Amino acid sequence: MRSSTTDDRDRTLELRDAIDRTGYYPEVVSEGVQAAVAGERVVSFYVHHEPTFERDEVRRHLSVVVLTPSRLVLAHTDEHAGDDLLPEPYTSTSTEAVALSAVKSVVVTRMIANPTSGPTPPAEAVMTIGWGGVSRIDLEPAGCNDPECDADHGYTGVLSSDDFSLRVSAAADGDDAVGGLLSFAESLSARTHTA
């Protein structure tokens, strides 16, 4: 939802303000993010608040992505109904810090509506970051071009890294959301090519 620009000032207070504006457990979220950032300067950030649907209930999810001079920090906060271990409703915040030198790819996809009418701001964007923490393999039976062949040709597949992906749209997330995500992706790309 919110992002920052790419100069060298510390954006810690701007990050806290963006988290506060979501209204989604700001103290809980800020504490988790602050602990993961561990005192480093905040170069750039992106805050994305989204509802998730679980049966007949709406649950909220907040992703905070932070770029420091040396690391990419990801924080995810979810809310949960009580369960057997924690009978009261609760939140869970997971954080991950990745060295910029470990980031292998920053993939950005821009969706432009009515491209024949000239340049317009993207209607949607997807940012996918890979660092090798999560790999996925998609397998399918291999075959040959002979329609009569019934031999076992083994399997073929694709191994892909898809550690973090975030999609935003102007229609669902507001006019500034897409530009903010693209700004963050640009800042991250600029820092990872030299890491």
C-alpha atoms as a PDB file:
ATOM      1  CA  MET A   1       0.000   0.000   0.000  1.00  0.00           C
ATOM      2  CA  ARG A   2       2.741   2.462   0.900  1.00  0.00           C
ATOM      3  CA  SER A   3       6.276   2.672  -0.356  1.00  0.00           C
ATOM      4  CA  SER A   4       9.194   5.040  -0.213  1.00  0.00           C
ATOM      5  CA  THR A   5      11.679   6.563  -2.588  1.00  0.00           C
ATOM      6  CA  THR A   6      15.286   5.529  -2.990  1.00  0.00           C
ATOM      7  CA  ASP A   7      17.569   8.229  -1.539  1.00  0.00           C
ATOM      8  CA  ASP A   8      19.905   7.470   1.360  1.00  0.00           C
ATOM      9  CA  ARG A   9      17.986   8.885   4.320  1.00  0.00           C
ATOM     10  CA  ASP A  10      16.638   6.641   7.058  1.00  0.00           C
ATOM     11  CA  ARG A  11      12.933   5.962   6.490  1.00  0.00           C
ATOM     12  CA  THR A  12      12.229   4.194   9.792  1.00  0.00           C
ATOM     13  CA  LEU A  13       9.683   6.825  10.919  1.00  0.00           C
ATOM     14  CA  GLU A  14       7.932   6.772   7.522  1.00  0.00           C
ATOM     15  CA  LEU A  15       7.708   2.982   7.775  1.00  0.00           C
ATOM     16  CA  ARG A  16       6.151   3.231  11.227  1.00  0.00           C
ATOM     17  CA  ASP A  17       3.634   5.810   9.947  1.00  0.00           C
ATOM     18  CA  ALA A  18       2.680   3.522   7.024  1.00  0.00           C
ATOM     19  CA  ILE A  19       2.140   0.602   9.415  1.00  0.00           C
ATOM     20  CA  ASP A  20       0.064   2.824  11.736  1.00  0.00           C
ATOM     21  CA  ARG A  21      -2.143   3.973   8.819  1.00  0.00           C
ATOM     22  CA  THR A  22      -3.207   0.382   8.079  1.00  0.00           C
ATOM     23  CA  GLY A  23      -4.850   0.201  11.505  1.00  0.00           C
ATOM     24  CA  TYR A  24      -3.950  -3.482  11.626  1.00  0.00           C
ATOM     25  CA  TYR A  25      -2.400  -4.186  15.050  1.00  0.00           C
ATOM     26  CA  PRO A  26       0.248  -1.481  14.470  1.00  0.00           C
ATOM     27  CA  GLU A  27       2.098  -2.068  17.753  1.00  0.00           C
ATOM     28  CA  VAL A  28       2.363  -5.812  17.137  1.00  0.00           C
ATOM     29  CA  VAL A  29       3.435  -5.401  13.500  1.00  0.00           C
ATOM     30  CA  SER A  30       5.933  -2.617  14.259  1.00  0.00           C
ATOM     31  CA  GLU A  31       7.550  -4.602  17.058  1.00  0.00           C
ATOM     32  CA  GLY A  32       8.111  -7.610  14.779  1.00  0.00           C
ATOM     33  CA  VAL A  33       9.448  -5.479  11.923  1.00  0.00           C
ATOM     34  CA  GLN A  34      11.699  -3.432  14.212  1.00  0.00           C
ATOM     35  CA  ALA A  35      13.207  -6.581  15.728  1.00  0.00           C
ATOM     36  CA  ALA A  36      13.947  -8.025  12.260  1.00  0.00           C
ATOM     37  CA  VAL A  37      15.431  -4.752  10.943  1.00  0.00           C
ATOM     38  CA  ALA A  38      17.721  -4.844  14.000  1.00  0.00           C
ATOM     39  CA  GLY A  39      18.654  -1.165  14.025  1.00  0.00           C
ATOM     40  CA  GLU A  40      19.695  -0.917  10.375  1.00  0.00           C
ATOM     41  CA  ARG A  41      18.698   2.100   8.306  1.00  0.00           C
ATOM     42  CA  VAL A  42      15.469   1.643   6.326  1.00  0.00           C
ATOM     43  CA  VAL A  43      16.300   2.455   2.685  1.00  0.00           C
ATOM     44  CA  SER A  44      12.917   1.560   1.167  1.00  0.00           C
ATOM     45  CA  PHE A  45       9.764  -0.294   2.200  1.00  0.00           C
ATOM     46  CA  TYR A  46       6.373  -1.494   1.050  1.00  0.00           C
ATOM     47  CA  VAL A  47       3.352  -2.173   3.277  1.00  0.00           C
ATOM     48  CA  HIS A  48       0.486  -4.269   1.887  1.00  0.00           C
ATOM     49  CA  HIS A  49      -2.707  -4.906   3.853  1.00  0.00           C
ATOM     50  CA  GLU A  50      -5.084  -7.489   2.421  1.00  0.00           C
ATOM     51  CA  PRO A  51      -8.091  -9.451   3.601  1.00  0.00           C
ATOM     52  CA  THR A  52      -8.181 -13.211   3.242  1.00  0.00           C
ATOM     53  CA  PHE A  53     -11.305 -15.311   3.281  1.00  0.00           C
ATOM     54  CA  GLU A  54     -11.546 -18.418   5.437  1.00  0.00           C
ATOM     55  CA  ARG A  55     -14.872 -20.187   5.062  1.00  0.00           C
ATOM     56  CA  ASP A  56     -17.443 -17.595   6.218  1.00  0.00           C
ATOM     57  CA  GLU A  57     -14.956 -15.307   7.996  1.00  0.00           C
ATOM     58  CA  VAL A  58     -12.731 -12.502   6.780  1.00  0.00           C
ATOM     59  CA  ARG A  59      -9.204 -12.543   8.165  1.00  0.00           C
ATOM     60  CA  ARG A  60      -6.604  -9.894   7.599  1.00  0.00           C
ATOM     61  CA  HIS A  61      -3.002 -10.249   6.465  1.00  0.00           C
ATOM     62  CA  LEU A  62      -0.270  -7.628   6.425  1.00  0.00           C
ATOM     63  CA  SER A  63       2.991  -7.939   4.489  1.00  0.00           C
ATOM     64  CA  VAL A  64       5.826  -5.515   5.194  1.00  0.00           C
ATOM     65  CA  VAL A  65       8.872  -5.634   2.920  1.00  0.00           C
ATOM     66  CA  VAL A  66      11.888  -3.590   4.019  1.00  0.00           C
ATOM     67  CA  LEU A  67      15.159  -2.872   2.251  1.00  0.00           C
ATOM     68  CA  THR A  68      18.155  -2.012   4.444  1.00  0.00           C
ATOM     69  CA  PRO A  69      21.692  -1.351   3.202  1.00  0.00           C
ATOM     70  CA  SER A  70      22.565  -5.038   3.588  1.00  0.00           C
ATOM     71  CA  ARG A  71      19.332  -7.048   3.822  1.00  0.00           C
ATOM     72  CA  LEU A  72      15.839  -7.653   2.556  1.00  0.00           C
ATOM     73  CA  VAL A  73      13.447  -8.069   5.485  1.00  0.00           C
ATOM     74  CA  LEU A  74      10.007  -9.621   5.052  1.00  0.00           C
ATOM     75  CA  ALA A  75       7.361  -9.632   7.762  1.00  0.00           C
ATOM     76  CA  HIS A  76       3.931 -11.243   7.598  1.00  0.00           C
ATOM     77  CA  THR A  77       1.254 -10.809  10.249  1.00  0.00           C
ATOM     78  CA  ASP A  78      -1.961 -12.814  10.286  1.00  0.00           C
ATOM     79  CA  GLU A  79      -4.865 -12.950  12.693  1.00  0.00           C
ATOM     80  CA  HIS A  80      -6.311 -16.242  13.908  1.00  0.00           C
ATOM     81  CA  ALA A  81      -9.337 -17.421  15.825  1.00  0.00           C
ATOM     82  CA  GLY A  82      -8.606 -19.193  19.073  1.00  0.00           C
ATOM     83  CA  ASP A  83      -7.604 -22.843  18.905  1.00  0.00           C
ATOM     84  CA  ASP A  84      -6.651 -25.709  21.227  1.00  0.00           C
ATOM     85  CA  LEU A  85      -3.304 -24.171  22.211  1.00  0.00           C
ATOM     86  CA  LEU A  86      -4.365 -20.514  22.358  1.00  0.00           C
ATOM     87  CA  PRO A  87      -8.087 -20.273  23.132  1.00  0.00           C
ATOM     88  CA  GLU A  88      -8.216 -16.475  22.640  1.00  0.00           C
ATOM     89  CA  PRO A  89      -7.928 -14.871  19.170  1.00  0.00           C
ATOM     90  CA  TYR A  90      -4.293 -14.110  18.370  1.00  0.00           C
ATOM     91  CA  THR A  91      -1.879 -12.810  15.742  1.00  0.00           C
ATOM     92  CA  SER A  92       1.205 -14.471  14.348  1.00  0.00           C
ATOM     93  CA  THR A  93       4.085 -12.480  12.891  1.00  0.00           C
ATOM     94  CA  SER A  94       6.777 -14.234  10.877  1.00  0.00           C
ATOM     95  CA  THR A  95       9.899 -12.410   9.768  1.00  0.00           C
ATOM     96  CA  GLU A  96      12.727 -13.359   7.460  1.00  0.00           C
ATOM     97  CA  ALA A  97      15.927 -11.436   6.795  1.00  0.00           C
ATOM     98  CA  VAL A  98      17.823 -12.214   3.585  1.00  0.00           C
ATOM     99  CA  ALA A  99      21.281 -10.878   2.756  1.00  0.00           C
ATOM    100  CA  LEU A 100      21.126  -8.785  -0.417  1.00  0.00           C
ATOM    101  CA  SER A 101      24.013 -10.819  -1.779  1.00  0.00           C
ATOM    102  CA  ALA A 102      21.740 -13.885  -1.622  1.00  0.00           C
ATOM    103  CA  VAL A 103      18.938 -12.369  -3.724  1.00  0.00           C
ATOM    104  CA  LYS A 104      19.130 -14.088  -7.093  1.00  0.00           C
ATOM    105  CA  SER A 105      16.237 -12.446  -8.918  1.00  0.00           C
ATOM    106  CA  VAL A 106      13.727  -9.635  -8.793  1.00  0.00           C
ATOM    107  CA  VAL A 107      11.008 -10.263 -11.358  1.00  0.00           C
ATOM    108  CA  VAL A 108       8.527  -7.469 -12.064  1.00  0.00           C
ATOM    109  CA  THR A 109       5.440  -7.826 -14.236  1.00  0.00           C
ATOM    110  CA  ARG A 110       3.443  -4.728 -15.198  1.00  0.00           C
ATOM    111  CA  MET A 111      -0.094  -4.973 -16.570  1.00  0.00           C
ATOM    112  CA  ILE A 112      -1.091  -2.010 -18.760  1.00  0.00           C
ATOM    113  CA  ALA A 113      -4.739  -1.576 -19.741  1.00  0.00           C
ATOM    114  CA  ASN A 114      -5.478  -0.369 -23.283  1.00  0.00           C
ATOM    115  CA  PRO A 115      -1.831  -0.242 -24.411  1.00  0.00           C
ATOM    116  CA  THR A 116      -2.753   1.138 -27.846  1.00  0.00           C
ATOM    117  CA  SER A 117      -3.926   4.409 -26.300  1.00  0.00           C
ATOM    118  CA  GLY A 118      -0.381   5.383 -25.283  1.00  0.00           C
ATOM    119  CA  PRO A 119       1.551   5.295 -22.041  1.00  0.00           C
ATOM    120  CA  THR A 120      -0.606   4.943 -18.938  1.00  0.00           C
ATOM    121  CA  PRO A 121       0.247   3.915 -15.391  1.00  0.00           C
ATOM    122  CA  PRO A 122       0.124   0.139 -14.859  1.00  0.00           C
ATOM    123  CA  ALA A 123      -3.222  -1.157 -13.621  1.00  0.00           C
ATOM    124  CA  GLU A 124      -1.547  -4.051 -11.794  1.00  0.00           C
ATOM    125  CA  ALA A 125       1.944  -5.218 -10.909  1.00  0.00           C
ATOM    126  CA  VAL A 126       3.523  -8.393  -9.571  1.00  0.00           C
ATOM    127  CA  MET A 127       6.907  -8.490  -7.840  1.00  0.00           C
ATOM    128  CA  THR A 128       8.538 -11.875  -7.313  1.00  0.00           C
ATOM    129  CA  ILE A 129      11.803 -12.158  -5.392  1.00  0.00           C
ATOM    130  CA  GLY A 130      13.941 -15.301  -5.419  1.00  0.00           C
ATOM    131  CA  TRP A 131      16.865 -16.167  -3.169  1.00  0.00           C
ATOM    132  CA  GLY A 132      16.742 -19.947  -3.138  1.00  0.00           C
ATOM    133  CA  GLY A 133      15.002 -20.396   0.196  1.00  0.00           C
ATOM    134  CA  VAL A 134      11.990 -22.104  -1.384  1.00  0.00           C
ATOM    135  CA  SER A 135      12.224 -24.171  -4.542  1.00  0.00           C
ATOM    136  CA  ARG A 136       9.371 -25.796  -6.359  1.00  0.00           C
ATOM    137  CA  ILE A 137       9.545 -28.593  -8.880  1.00  0.00           C
ATOM    138  CA  ASP A 138       6.742 -29.228 -11.347  1.00  0.00           C
ATOM    139  CA  LEU A 139       6.918 -32.709 -12.890  1.00  0.00           C
ATOM    140  CA  GLU A 140       4.936 -34.290 -15.677  1.00  0.00           C
ATOM    141  CA  PRO A 141       5.310 -37.511 -17.624  1.00  0.00           C
ATOM    142  CA  ALA A 142       7.715 -37.181 -20.539  1.00  0.00           C
ATOM    143  CA  GLY A 143       6.690 -38.400 -23.946  1.00  0.00           C
ATOM    144  CA  CYS A 144       7.752 -38.566 -27.558  1.00  0.00           C
ATOM    145  CA  ASN A 145       6.224 -37.515 -30.861  1.00  0.00           C
ATOM    146  CA  ASP A 146       5.135 -41.038 -31.840  1.00  0.00           C
ATOM    147  CA  PRO A 147       1.373 -41.351 -31.094  1.00  0.00           C
ATOM    148  CA  GLU A 148       1.663 -45.171 -31.095  1.00  0.00           C
ATOM    149  CA  CYS A 149       4.509 -45.255 -28.543  1.00  0.00           C
ATOM    150  CA  ASP A 150       3.637 -46.702 -25.137  1.00  0.00           C
ATOM    151  CA  ALA A 151       7.159 -46.687 -23.676  1.00  0.00           C
ATOM    152  CA  ASP A 152       7.897 -45.104 -20.326  1.00  0.00           C
ATOM    153  CA  HIS A 153       9.920 -41.955 -21.057  1.00  0.00           C
ATOM    154  CA  GLY A 154      10.330 -40.948 -17.428  1.00  0.00           C
ATOM    155  CA  TYR A 155       9.485 -37.462 -16.259  1.00  0.00           C
ATOM    156  CA  THR A 156      10.303 -33.927 -17.265  1.00  0.00           C
ATOM    157  CA  GLY A 157       9.961 -30.865 -15.095  1.00  0.00           C
ATOM    158  CA  VAL A 158      10.906 -27.394 -14.089  1.00  0.00           C
ATOM    159  CA  LEU A 159      12.695 -26.358 -10.914  1.00  0.00           C
ATOM    160  CA  SER A 160      11.854 -22.787  -9.959  1.00  0.00           C
ATOM    161  CA  SER A 161      12.600 -20.465  -7.086  1.00  0.00           C
ATOM    162  CA  ASP A 162       9.587 -18.527  -5.866  1.00  0.00           C
ATOM    163  CA  ASP A 163      10.413 -17.280  -2.391  1.00  0.00           C
ATOM    164  CA  PHE A 164       8.161 -14.214  -2.242  1.00  0.00           C
ATOM    165  CA  SER A 165       5.543 -12.852  -4.589  1.00  0.00           C
ATOM    166  CA  LEU A 166       3.218  -9.890  -4.190  1.00  0.00           C
ATOM    167  CA  ARG A 167       0.508  -8.734  -6.597  1.00  0.00           C
ATOM    168  CA  VAL A 168      -1.253  -5.390  -6.293  1.00  0.00           C
ATOM    169  CA  SER A 169      -3.841  -3.627  -8.416  1.00  0.00           C
ATOM    170  CA  ALA A 170      -5.031  -0.050  -8.587  1.00  0.00           C
ATOM    171  CA  ALA A 171      -8.658  -1.240  -8.492  1.00  0.00           C
ATOM    172  CA  ALA A 172      -8.291  -3.300  -5.304  1.00  0.00           C
ATOM    173  CA  ASP A 173      -5.447  -1.546  -3.479  1.00  0.00           C
ATOM    174  CA  GLY A 174      -5.730   2.098  -4.559  1.00  0.00           C
ATOM    175  CA  ASP A 175      -4.081   4.268  -7.162  1.00  0.00           C
ATOM    176  CA  ASP A 176      -0.745   4.593  -5.325  1.00  0.00           C
ATOM    177  CA  ALA A 177      -0.321   0.877  -4.608  1.00  0.00           C
ATOM    178  CA  VAL A 178       1.037  -0.155  -8.006  1.00  0.00           C
ATOM    179  CA  GLY A 179       3.450   2.761  -8.232  1.00  0.00           C
ATOM    180  CA  GLY A 180       4.633   2.094  -4.692  1.00  0.00           C
ATOM    181  CA  LEU A 181       5.350  -1.563  -5.430  1.00  0.00           C
ATOM    182  CA  LEU A 182       7.202  -0.666  -8.615  1.00  0.00           C
ATOM    183  CA  SER A 183       9.253   1.935  -6.734  1.00  0.00           C
ATOM    184  CA  PHE A 184      10.220  -0.646  -4.104  1.00  0.00           C
ATOM    185  CA  ALA A 185      11.125  -3.207  -6.794  1.00  0.00           C
ATOM    186  CA  GLU A 186      13.303  -0.645  -8.559  1.00  0.00           C
ATOM    187  CA  SER A 187      15.088   0.198  -5.318  1.00  0.00           C
ATOM    188  CA  LEU A 188      15.667  -3.485  -4.552  1.00  0.00           C
ATOM    189  CA  SER A 189      16.887  -4.214  -8.088  1.00  0.00           C
ATOM    190  CA  ALA A 190      19.344  -1.321  -7.913  1.00  0.00           C
ATOM    191  CA  ARG A 191      20.827  -2.656  -4.670  1.00  0.00           C
ATOM    192  CA  THR A 192      20.987  -6.327  -5.653  1.00  0.00           C
ATOM    193  CA  HIS A 193      22.895  -5.867  -8.901  1.00  0.00           C
ATOM    194  CA  THR A 194      25.918  -4.674  -6.911  1.00  0.00           C
ATOM    195  CA  ALA A 195      25.544  -6.982  -3.914  1.00  0.00           C
END
